[in-house]
Protein backbone atom coordinates (compact mmCIF):
# COMPACT_ATOMS: atom_id res chain seq x y z
CA MET A 1 0.00 0.00 0.00
CA ASN A 2 1.31 3.44 -0.93
CA ASP A 3 0.70 5.31 2.33
CA ILE A 4 1.79 8.94 1.96
CA LYS A 5 0.59 9.82 5.47
CA LYS A 6 3.99 8.63 6.64
CA SER A 7 5.92 10.31 3.85
CA VAL A 8 8.84 12.56 4.64
CA LEU A 9 10.32 15.46 2.73
CA ILE A 10 12.96 14.24 0.33
CA THR A 11 14.79 15.74 -2.59
CA LYS A 12 13.96 14.00 -5.83
CA LYS A 13 17.02 13.08 -7.84
CA GLU A 14 17.34 11.93 -11.41
CA LYS A 15 19.53 9.01 -12.38
CA GLY A 16 23.09 10.19 -12.17
CA GLY A 17 22.55 12.18 -8.98
CA SER A 18 21.59 15.62 -10.36
CA GLU A 19 18.53 17.34 -8.94
CA THR A 20 15.38 17.62 -11.04
CA ASP A 21 14.29 20.93 -12.52
CA PRO A 22 12.45 22.67 -9.64
CA TYR A 23 10.06 24.31 -12.13
CA GLU A 24 9.02 21.08 -13.82
CA ASP A 25 5.32 20.28 -13.18
CA ALA A 26 6.07 16.99 -11.41
CA SER A 27 8.58 18.71 -9.11
CA LEU A 28 6.18 21.56 -8.38
CA ASN A 29 3.41 19.11 -7.48
CA PHE A 30 5.76 17.01 -5.36
CA ASN A 31 7.08 20.04 -3.47
CA TRP A 32 3.59 21.46 -2.95
CA THR A 33 2.14 18.16 -1.77
CA ASN A 34 5.00 17.72 0.70
CA GLY A 35 4.61 21.23 2.09
CA VAL A 36 7.74 22.80 0.62
CA THR A 37 6.03 25.40 -1.58
CA CYS A 38 2.44 25.55 -0.34
CA SER A 39 0.90 28.49 1.52
CA SER A 40 0.50 28.57 5.29
CA GLU A 41 -3.18 27.65 4.95
CA PHE A 42 -2.29 24.45 3.10
CA MET A 43 0.47 23.73 5.64
CA THR A 44 -2.32 22.92 8.09
CA LEU A 45 -3.00 19.80 6.00
CA THR A 46 -1.03 16.58 5.94
CA PRO A 47 0.73 15.52 2.71
CA TYR A 48 -1.95 12.83 2.38
CA GLU A 49 -4.75 15.42 2.57
CA ARG A 50 -3.00 17.72 0.08
CA GLU A 51 -2.56 14.76 -2.30
CA ILE A 52 -6.25 13.88 -2.08
CA LEU A 53 -7.16 17.48 -2.95
CA VAL A 54 -4.76 17.53 -5.91
CA LEU A 55 -6.05 14.22 -7.23
CA THR A 56 -9.67 15.32 -6.84
CA TYR A 57 -9.64 18.93 -7.98
CA VAL A 58 -6.59 19.22 -10.25
CA ASP A 59 -6.17 15.77 -11.77
CA LYS A 60 -9.96 15.07 -11.75
CA VAL A 61 -9.50 11.54 -10.39
CA TYR A 62 -12.63 9.83 -9.06
CA ASP A 63 -12.85 8.63 -5.45
CA ASP A 64 -12.90 4.98 -6.53
CA GLU A 65 -9.55 5.37 -8.29
CA ILE A 66 -8.00 7.26 -5.36
CA SER A 67 -9.17 4.55 -2.98
CA LYS A 68 -7.59 1.86 -5.17
CA ARG A 69 -4.28 3.77 -5.28
CA TYR A 70 -4.00 4.03 -1.51
CA GLY A 71 -5.78 0.87 -0.45
CA TYR A 72 -8.54 2.63 1.46
CA HIS A 73 -12.30 2.37 1.08
CA ARG A 74 -13.92 5.11 -1.03
CA VAL A 75 -15.81 6.38 2.04
CA THR A 76 -12.49 6.91 3.83
CA ILE A 77 -11.24 9.08 0.96
CA VAL A 78 -14.44 11.15 1.10
CA LYS A 79 -14.06 11.53 4.88
CA HIS A 80 -10.41 12.63 4.62
CA ARG A 81 -11.22 15.15 1.86
CA LYS A 82 -14.03 16.56 4.02
CA ILE A 83 -11.65 16.90 6.99
CA ALA A 84 -9.05 18.60 4.75
CA LEU A 85 -11.57 21.10 3.41
CA GLU A 86 -12.76 21.91 6.93
CA LYS A 87 -9.16 22.53 8.03
CA LEU A 88 -8.73 24.90 5.08
CA ARG A 89 -11.93 26.76 5.92
CA ARG A 90 -10.77 27.24 9.52
CA ALA A 91 -7.30 28.38 8.44
CA LEU A 92 -8.75 30.88 5.95
CA LYS A 93 -11.24 32.17 8.53
CA GLU A 94 -8.44 32.67 11.08
CA LYS A 95 -6.36 34.49 8.49
CA GLU A 96 -9.31 36.73 7.63
CA GLU A 97 -9.92 37.50 11.32
CA ARG A 98 -6.24 38.46 11.77
CA GLY A 99 -6.57 40.77 8.77
CA THR A 100 -3.54 39.39 6.94
């Protein structure tokens, strides 16, 4: 099972040891999902929650496919997405209240 909840920040390297282009789409997505380049509001989410949001809203992947990728039931994916969206709402509301 590919469980990204336990993932850690790593630097992706190409064969031969040189770093990948940091502006390449795959690198941008990887860095954003792992919290390197995302905003403070998205930092409130886990890498797993950010990945679910990317798969759902950017890549347009259906819940059934996401559940197969990670070995979870479809209902679990829905629940985790709902939790992630609620975290984002709270973070945005707090930011608005601070006036920043």
